[in-house]
Amino acid sequence: MHVKYLFLPIILLSSCGGGDSVSTPAATPEAESAPVVKTATSLTPMERGAKLYKRCVACHTLDEGGKHKVGPNLWGVYGATAGSKDGFNYSKVMAASNVVWDDETLDAYIKKPSEFMKGNRMSFVGIKKAADREAILLYMRAKTTPQ
């Protein structure tokens, strides 16, 4: 007698989906209000630059009047001559370089600092991808240029 009750759930389950149609569950309010998670490809260039710039914050600040860290504060870097920020102890190579920072020179520098300016003290391996460097520079330009 107990054996026939064991098969009842199997029979009930096997009769559940019948047919060839596939049904989809209705959207719930929770699913509709779930936060949108942005992927690297869905970020705006500015958002991507901000995210990538996080690699730099241990050594550099971007704020007007910001303090120097291991590296100099970068406020007003565009158009400035390398090695010219007051209060920062630059390497002799950097101070004597006469490089003026713009998109081209900054791009080459952050690509591989040790190749751009041999003998500088920046101990950063660099950023290989051109699109990553472009996003960082976009972000830096927006954050370090007086409005």
N, C-alpha and C. Protein backbone atom coordinates (compact mmCIF):
# COMPACT_ATOMS: atom_id res chain seq x y z
N MET A 1 0.80 -1.19 0.00
CA MET A 1 0.00 0.00 0.00
C MET A 1 0.86 1.27 0.00
N HIS A 2 1.90 1.25 0.72
CA HIS A 2 2.80 2.40 0.76
C HIS A 2 3.54 2.59 -0.56
N VAL A 3 3.76 1.55 -1.33
CA VAL A 3 4.50 1.61 -2.58
C VAL A 3 3.76 2.49 -3.60
N LYS A 4 2.42 2.39 -3.68
CA LYS A 4 1.71 3.19 -4.66
C LYS A 4 1.78 4.67 -4.32
N TYR A 5 1.95 5.06 -3.06
CA TYR A 5 2.08 6.46 -2.68
C TYR A 5 3.46 7.00 -3.03
N LEU A 6 4.45 6.14 -3.17
CA LEU A 6 5.78 6.57 -3.57
C LEU A 6 5.80 7.04 -5.02
N PHE A 7 4.98 6.46 -5.86
CA PHE A 7 4.96 6.82 -7.28
C PHE A 7 4.08 8.03 -7.57
N LEU A 8 3.24 8.42 -6.66
CA LEU A 8 2.33 9.53 -6.88
C LEU A 8 3.08 10.83 -7.20
N PRO A 9 4.12 11.23 -6.47
CA PRO A 9 4.84 12.47 -6.81
C PRO A 9 5.48 12.39 -8.19
N ILE A 10 5.97 11.22 -8.60
CA ILE A 10 6.59 11.07 -9.90
C ILE A 10 5.56 11.25 -11.00
N ILE A 11 4.40 10.68 -10.83
CA ILE A 11 3.33 10.80 -11.82
C ILE A 11 2.87 12.26 -11.92
N LEU A 12 2.73 12.93 -10.77
CA LEU A 12 2.29 14.33 -10.78
C LEU A 12 3.32 15.22 -11.46
N LEU A 13 4.59 15.00 -11.17
CA LEU A 13 5.64 15.81 -11.78
C LEU A 13 5.76 15.56 -13.27
N SER A 14 5.59 14.35 -13.71
CA SER A 14 5.73 14.04 -15.13
C SER A 14 4.59 14.63 -15.94
N SER A 15 3.51 14.96 -15.32
CA SER A 15 2.39 15.54 -16.06
C SER A 15 2.45 17.06 -16.07
N CYS A 16 3.43 17.65 -15.36
CA CYS A 16 3.52 19.09 -15.29
C CYS A 16 4.00 19.73 -16.57
N GLY A 17 4.67 19.84 -17.31
CA GLY A 17 5.12 20.65 -18.43
C GLY A 17 4.52 20.31 -19.72
N GLY A 18 3.98 19.17 -19.99
CA GLY A 18 3.41 18.72 -21.25
C GLY A 18 3.37 19.78 -22.34
N GLY A 19 3.33 19.36 -23.54
CA GLY A 19 3.27 20.26 -24.68
C GLY A 19 4.65 20.74 -25.08
N ASP A 20 4.67 21.47 -26.20
CA ASP A 20 5.94 21.94 -26.72
C ASP A 20 6.23 23.39 -26.36
N SER A 21 5.27 24.10 -25.81
CA SER A 21 5.50 25.51 -25.54
C SER A 21 6.35 25.68 -24.28
N VAL A 22 7.13 26.75 -24.28
CA VAL A 22 7.97 27.07 -23.13
C VAL A 22 7.41 28.34 -22.52
N SER A 23 7.17 28.30 -21.24
CA SER A 23 6.65 29.50 -20.59
C SER A 23 7.78 30.21 -19.89
N THR A 24 7.68 31.53 -19.81
CA THR A 24 8.68 32.31 -19.10
C THR A 24 8.02 32.91 -17.88
N PRO A 25 8.75 33.00 -16.79
CA PRO A 25 8.15 33.57 -15.58
C PRO A 25 7.90 35.06 -15.77
N ALA A 26 6.86 35.54 -15.12
CA ALA A 26 6.53 36.96 -15.17
C ALA A 26 7.59 37.74 -14.41
N ALA A 27 7.86 38.96 -14.84
CA ALA A 27 8.84 39.81 -14.16
C ALA A 27 8.31 40.20 -12.80
N THR A 28 9.18 40.17 -11.83
CA THR A 28 8.80 40.57 -10.48
C THR A 28 9.27 42.00 -10.25
N PRO A 29 8.65 42.70 -9.32
CA PRO A 29 9.10 44.07 -9.04
C PRO A 29 10.58 44.10 -8.64
N GLU A 30 11.04 43.08 -7.93
CA GLU A 30 12.44 43.03 -7.52
C GLU A 30 13.35 42.98 -8.73
N ALA A 31 12.99 42.18 -9.73
CA ALA A 31 13.81 42.05 -10.93
C ALA A 31 13.83 43.35 -11.72
N GLU A 32 12.71 44.05 -11.77
CA GLU A 32 12.64 45.29 -12.52
C GLU A 32 13.44 46.40 -11.87
N SER A 33 13.60 46.38 -10.56
CA SER A 33 14.32 47.44 -9.87
C SER A 33 15.74 47.05 -9.49
N ALA A 34 16.23 45.94 -10.02
CA ALA A 34 17.60 45.52 -9.72
C ALA A 34 18.58 46.55 -10.26
N PRO A 35 19.66 46.82 -9.54
CA PRO A 35 20.63 47.81 -10.01
C PRO A 35 21.31 47.35 -11.30
N VAL A 36 21.61 48.30 -12.14
CA VAL A 36 22.31 47.99 -13.38
C VAL A 36 23.80 47.96 -13.08
N VAL A 37 24.44 46.87 -13.42
CA VAL A 37 25.87 46.74 -13.21
C VAL A 37 26.55 47.04 -14.53
N LYS A 38 27.42 48.05 -14.52
CA LYS A 38 28.11 48.42 -15.75
C LYS A 38 29.34 47.55 -15.94
N THR A 39 29.53 47.11 -17.14
CA THR A 39 30.73 46.36 -17.48
C THR A 39 31.73 47.34 -18.08
N ALA A 40 32.95 46.89 -18.26
CA ALA A 40 34.00 47.75 -18.81
C ALA A 40 33.60 48.31 -20.16
N THR A 41 32.84 47.56 -20.93
CA THR A 41 32.45 48.03 -22.25
C THR A 41 31.28 49.00 -22.20
N SER A 42 30.53 49.03 -21.12
CA SER A 42 29.39 49.94 -21.05
C SER A 42 29.72 51.23 -20.31
N LEU A 43 30.92 51.39 -19.84
CA LEU A 43 31.31 52.62 -19.16
C LEU A 43 31.55 53.73 -20.17
N THR A 44 31.24 54.95 -19.79
CA THR A 44 31.60 56.08 -20.64
C THR A 44 33.12 56.22 -20.57
N PRO A 45 33.73 56.91 -21.51
CA PRO A 45 35.18 57.11 -21.44
C PRO A 45 35.61 57.77 -20.13
N MET A 46 34.83 58.72 -19.63
CA MET A 46 35.17 59.39 -18.37
C MET A 46 35.09 58.41 -17.19
N GLU A 47 34.05 57.58 -17.16
CA GLU A 47 33.92 56.58 -16.09
C GLU A 47 35.07 55.58 -16.16
N ARG A 48 35.41 55.17 -17.37
CA ARG A 48 36.52 54.23 -17.56
C ARG A 48 37.83 54.86 -17.09
N GLY A 49 38.03 56.13 -17.43
CA GLY A 49 39.23 56.83 -16.99
C GLY A 49 39.32 56.93 -15.48
N ALA A 50 38.19 57.23 -14.84
CA ALA A 50 38.16 57.31 -13.37
C ALA A 50 38.51 55.96 -12.75
N LYS A 51 37.97 54.91 -13.34
CA LYS A 51 38.24 53.57 -12.82
C LYS A 51 39.72 53.21 -13.00
N LEU A 52 40.24 53.49 -14.16
CA LEU A 52 41.65 53.18 -14.43
C LEU A 52 42.60 54.05 -13.63
N TYR A 53 42.20 55.29 -13.37
CA TYR A 53 43.07 56.20 -12.62
C TYR A 53 43.30 55.72 -11.19
N LYS A 54 42.47 54.82 -10.71
CA LYS A 54 42.64 54.31 -9.35
C LYS A 54 44.02 53.67 -9.16
N ARG A 55 44.65 53.27 -10.26
CA ARG A 55 46.02 52.73 -10.18
C ARG A 55 47.01 53.81 -9.76
N CYS A 56 46.65 55.05 -9.97
CA CYS A 56 47.56 56.17 -9.77
C CYS A 56 47.43 56.86 -8.41
N VAL A 57 46.31 56.65 -7.73
CA VAL A 57 46.01 57.43 -6.53
C VAL A 57 46.95 57.16 -5.36
N ALA A 58 47.64 56.06 -5.36
CA ALA A 58 48.59 55.80 -4.27
C ALA A 58 49.74 56.80 -4.32
N CYS A 59 50.03 57.32 -5.50
CA CYS A 59 51.18 58.20 -5.67
C CYS A 59 50.84 59.63 -6.06
N HIS A 60 49.68 59.87 -6.66
CA HIS A 60 49.35 61.20 -7.19
C HIS A 60 47.97 61.67 -6.75
N THR A 61 47.88 62.97 -6.49
CA THR A 61 46.59 63.62 -6.27
C THR A 61 46.30 64.51 -7.47
N LEU A 62 45.03 64.82 -7.67
CA LEU A 62 44.62 65.64 -8.82
C LEU A 62 44.02 66.98 -8.39
N ASP A 63 43.77 67.15 -7.13
CA ASP A 63 43.05 68.32 -6.64
C ASP A 63 43.91 69.58 -6.62
N GLU A 64 43.27 70.69 -6.92
CA GLU A 64 43.96 71.98 -6.81
C GLU A 64 44.42 72.14 -5.37
N GLY A 65 45.68 72.42 -5.19
CA GLY A 65 46.24 72.56 -3.84
C GLY A 65 46.47 71.24 -3.14
N GLY A 66 46.27 70.13 -3.84
CA GLY A 66 46.47 68.80 -3.25
C GLY A 66 47.92 68.57 -2.89
N LYS A 67 48.13 67.70 -1.94
CA LYS A 67 49.49 67.44 -1.47
C LYS A 67 50.23 66.51 -2.43
N HIS A 68 51.54 66.62 -2.35
CA HIS A 68 52.40 65.68 -3.07
C HIS A 68 52.44 64.39 -2.27
N LYS A 69 52.53 63.30 -2.97
CA LYS A 69 52.68 61.99 -2.32
C LYS A 69 54.03 61.45 -2.77
N VAL A 70 54.10 60.19 -3.09
CA VAL A 70 55.32 59.61 -3.67
C VAL A 70 55.63 60.31 -4.99
N GLY A 71 54.57 60.66 -5.71
CA GLY A 71 54.68 61.46 -6.94
C GLY A 71 54.06 62.81 -6.70
N PRO A 72 54.29 63.76 -7.62
CA PRO A 72 53.76 65.10 -7.42
C PRO A 72 52.25 65.18 -7.63
N ASN A 73 51.66 66.20 -7.03
CA ASN A 73 50.26 66.53 -7.31
C ASN A 73 50.19 66.92 -8.78
N LEU A 74 49.14 66.49 -9.47
CA LEU A 74 49.05 66.69 -10.91
C LEU A 74 48.10 67.81 -11.33
N TRP A 75 47.62 68.60 -10.38
CA TRP A 75 46.76 69.73 -10.75
C TRP A 75 47.54 70.66 -11.69
N GLY A 76 46.96 71.03 -12.80
CA GLY A 76 47.59 71.94 -13.75
C GLY A 76 48.73 71.33 -14.54
N VAL A 77 48.76 70.00 -14.63
CA VAL A 77 49.86 69.33 -15.33
C VAL A 77 49.89 69.66 -16.82
N TYR A 78 48.71 69.83 -17.42
CA TYR A 78 48.65 70.13 -18.86
C TYR A 78 49.25 71.51 -19.13
N GLY A 79 50.26 71.55 -19.97
CA GLY A 79 50.94 72.79 -20.30
C GLY A 79 52.11 73.10 -19.38
N ALA A 80 52.26 72.33 -18.32
CA ALA A 80 53.36 72.56 -17.38
C ALA A 80 54.63 71.88 -17.88
N THR A 81 55.76 72.41 -17.46
CA THR A 81 57.05 71.80 -17.78
C THR A 81 57.33 70.72 -16.73
N ALA A 82 57.79 69.57 -17.19
CA ALA A 82 58.11 68.46 -16.28
C ALA A 82 59.12 68.91 -15.24
N GLY A 83 58.91 68.45 -14.02
CA GLY A 83 59.86 68.74 -12.95
C GLY A 83 59.76 70.14 -12.39
N SER A 84 58.64 70.82 -12.59
CA SER A 84 58.55 72.22 -12.18
C SER A 84 57.61 72.51 -11.02
N LYS A 85 56.99 71.50 -10.45
CA LYS A 85 56.06 71.73 -9.32
C LYS A 85 56.85 72.08 -8.07
N ASP A 86 56.51 73.20 -7.45
CA ASP A 86 57.18 73.60 -6.21
C ASP A 86 56.89 72.59 -5.11
N GLY A 87 57.90 72.32 -4.32
CA GLY A 87 57.73 71.47 -3.16
C GLY A 87 57.86 69.98 -3.42
N PHE A 88 58.19 69.59 -4.65
CA PHE A 88 58.40 68.17 -4.93
C PHE A 88 59.84 67.96 -5.35
N ASN A 89 60.45 66.91 -4.83
CA ASN A 89 61.85 66.59 -5.12
C ASN A 89 61.92 65.67 -6.34
N TYR A 90 62.08 66.25 -7.51
CA TYR A 90 62.15 65.50 -8.76
C TYR A 90 63.54 64.90 -8.97
N SER A 91 63.58 63.87 -9.79
CA SER A 91 64.88 63.33 -10.20
C SER A 91 65.58 64.38 -11.06
N LYS A 92 66.90 64.30 -11.14
CA LYS A 92 67.65 65.25 -11.96
C LYS A 92 67.23 65.16 -13.42
N VAL A 93 66.95 63.95 -13.88
CA VAL A 93 66.53 63.74 -15.26
C VAL A 93 65.22 64.45 -15.55
N MET A 94 64.26 64.32 -14.66
CA MET A 94 62.95 64.96 -14.84
C MET A 94 63.10 66.47 -14.79
N ALA A 95 63.83 66.98 -13.81
CA ALA A 95 63.98 68.42 -13.65
C ALA A 95 64.68 69.06 -14.84
N ALA A 96 65.57 68.34 -15.50
CA ALA A 96 66.33 68.89 -16.62
C ALA A 96 65.72 68.57 -17.98
N SER A 97 64.59 67.91 -18.01
CA SER A 97 64.05 67.39 -19.27
C SER A 97 63.45 68.44 -20.21
N ASN A 98 62.91 69.51 -19.69
CA ASN A 98 62.21 70.53 -20.49
C ASN A 98 61.01 69.97 -21.26
N VAL A 99 60.49 68.82 -20.85
CA VAL A 99 59.29 68.25 -21.47
C VAL A 99 58.09 69.08 -21.03
N VAL A 100 57.24 69.43 -21.97
CA VAL A 100 55.98 70.11 -21.65
C VAL A 100 54.88 69.07 -21.76
N TRP A 101 54.10 68.96 -20.69
CA TRP A 101 53.07 67.92 -20.64
C TRP A 101 51.85 68.30 -21.46
N ASP A 102 51.50 67.43 -22.40
CA ASP A 102 50.28 67.51 -23.19
C ASP A 102 49.83 66.08 -23.43
N ASP A 103 48.78 65.90 -24.22
CA ASP A 103 48.28 64.53 -24.45
C ASP A 103 49.36 63.62 -25.03
N GLU A 104 50.14 64.12 -25.96
CA GLU A 104 51.16 63.30 -26.61
C GLU A 104 52.27 62.88 -25.64
N THR A 105 52.79 63.83 -24.88
CA THR A 105 53.90 63.50 -23.97
C THR A 105 53.40 62.68 -22.78
N LEU A 106 52.22 63.02 -22.26
CA LEU A 106 51.69 62.23 -21.14
C LEU A 106 51.36 60.81 -21.57
N ASP A 107 50.82 60.66 -22.79
CA ASP A 107 50.52 59.33 -23.31
C ASP A 107 51.79 58.49 -23.40
N ALA A 108 52.84 59.06 -23.96
CA ALA A 108 54.11 58.33 -24.09
C ALA A 108 54.69 58.01 -22.71
N TYR A 109 54.56 58.94 -21.78
CA TYR A 109 55.10 58.73 -20.44
C TYR A 109 54.38 57.62 -19.70
N ILE A 110 53.03 57.65 -19.69
CA ILE A 110 52.33 56.61 -18.93
C ILE A 110 52.32 55.28 -19.66
N LYS A 111 52.65 55.28 -20.94
CA LYS A 111 52.78 54.01 -21.65
C LYS A 111 53.94 53.21 -21.06
N LYS A 112 55.07 53.85 -20.87
CA LYS A 112 56.22 53.19 -20.27
C LYS A 112 57.19 54.28 -19.79
N PRO A 113 57.03 54.72 -18.54
CA PRO A 113 57.84 55.82 -18.03
C PRO A 113 59.35 55.60 -18.17
N SER A 114 59.80 54.39 -17.97
CA SER A 114 61.25 54.12 -18.02
C SER A 114 61.83 54.28 -19.42
N GLU A 115 61.01 54.12 -20.45
CA GLU A 115 61.49 54.32 -21.82
C GLU A 115 61.35 55.77 -22.26
N PHE A 116 60.28 56.42 -21.84
CA PHE A 116 60.05 57.81 -22.25
C PHE A 116 61.14 58.71 -21.71
N MET A 117 61.48 58.51 -20.44
CA MET A 117 62.49 59.36 -19.80
C MET A 117 63.40 58.47 -18.97
N LYS A 118 64.44 58.00 -19.60
CA LYS A 118 65.38 57.09 -18.93
C LYS A 118 66.01 57.77 -17.73
N GLY A 119 65.96 57.09 -16.59
CA GLY A 119 66.55 57.61 -15.37
C GLY A 119 65.57 58.32 -14.45
N ASN A 120 64.30 58.43 -14.85
CA ASN A 120 63.34 59.05 -13.93
C ASN A 120 63.03 58.05 -12.82
N ARG A 121 62.47 58.54 -11.73
CA ARG A 121 62.25 57.67 -10.57
C ARG A 121 60.87 57.05 -10.49
N MET A 122 60.02 57.28 -11.47
CA MET A 122 58.68 56.71 -11.40
C MET A 122 58.77 55.20 -11.57
N SER A 123 58.42 54.49 -10.51
CA SER A 123 58.53 53.02 -10.54
C SER A 123 57.18 52.41 -10.90
N PHE A 124 56.73 52.74 -12.08
CA PHE A 124 55.45 52.24 -12.59
C PHE A 124 55.74 51.59 -13.93
N VAL A 125 55.22 50.38 -14.12
CA VAL A 125 55.51 49.62 -15.33
C VAL A 125 54.91 50.25 -16.58
N GLY A 126 53.81 50.95 -16.43
CA GLY A 126 53.17 51.60 -17.57
C GLY A 126 51.84 50.96 -17.92
N ILE A 127 51.15 51.56 -18.87
CA ILE A 127 49.84 51.09 -19.32
C ILE A 127 49.94 50.80 -20.81
N LYS A 128 49.82 49.54 -21.16
CA LYS A 128 50.02 49.10 -22.54
C LYS A 128 48.94 49.55 -23.51
N LYS A 129 47.69 49.39 -23.14
CA LYS A 129 46.58 49.63 -24.06
C LYS A 129 46.35 51.13 -24.31
N ALA A 130 46.38 51.50 -25.58
CA ALA A 130 46.18 52.89 -25.97
C ALA A 130 44.82 53.41 -25.50
N ALA A 131 43.78 52.59 -25.59
CA ALA A 131 42.43 53.01 -25.17
C ALA A 131 42.39 53.29 -23.67
N ASP A 132 43.14 52.53 -22.89
CA ASP A 132 43.20 52.77 -21.44
C ASP A 132 43.91 54.09 -21.15
N ARG A 133 45.02 54.33 -21.85
CA ARG A 133 45.75 55.58 -21.65
C ARG A 133 44.89 56.78 -22.06
N GLU A 134 44.18 56.63 -23.16
CA GLU A 134 43.31 57.71 -23.64
C GLU A 134 42.23 58.03 -22.61
N ALA A 135 41.64 57.01 -22.00
CA ALA A 135 40.60 57.22 -20.99
C ALA A 135 41.17 57.89 -19.74
N ILE A 136 42.35 57.47 -19.32
CA ILE A 136 42.99 58.07 -18.15
C ILE A 136 43.29 59.54 -18.42
N LEU A 137 43.83 59.83 -19.59
CA LEU A 137 44.16 61.22 -19.91
C LEU A 137 42.92 62.09 -20.02
N LEU A 138 41.85 61.57 -20.54
CA LEU A 138 40.59 62.30 -20.58
C LEU A 138 40.15 62.67 -19.16
N TYR A 139 40.21 61.70 -18.28
CA TYR A 139 39.84 61.91 -16.88
C TYR A 139 40.78 62.92 -16.22
N MET A 140 42.09 62.72 -16.41
CA MET A 140 43.07 63.63 -15.79
C MET A 140 42.88 65.06 -16.30
N ARG A 141 42.68 65.23 -17.59
CA ARG A 141 42.50 66.57 -18.18
C ARG A 141 41.29 67.25 -17.55
N ALA A 142 40.20 66.51 -17.39
CA ALA A 142 38.99 67.08 -16.80
C ALA A 142 39.19 67.44 -15.33
N LYS A 143 39.98 66.67 -14.62
CA LYS A 143 40.15 66.87 -13.19
C LYS A 143 41.28 67.85 -12.84
N THR A 144 42.20 68.12 -13.76
CA THR A 144 43.37 68.92 -13.42
C THR A 144 43.46 70.25 -14.16
N THR A 145 42.48 70.52 -14.99
CA THR A 145 42.51 71.75 -15.78
C THR A 145 41.53 72.75 -15.16
N PRO A 146 42.01 73.94 -14.83
CA PRO A 146 41.11 74.95 -14.27
C PRO A 146 39.95 75.23 -15.23
N GLN A 147 38.77 75.37 -14.68
CA GLN A 147 37.56 75.61 -15.51
C GLN A 147 37.48 77.04 -15.89
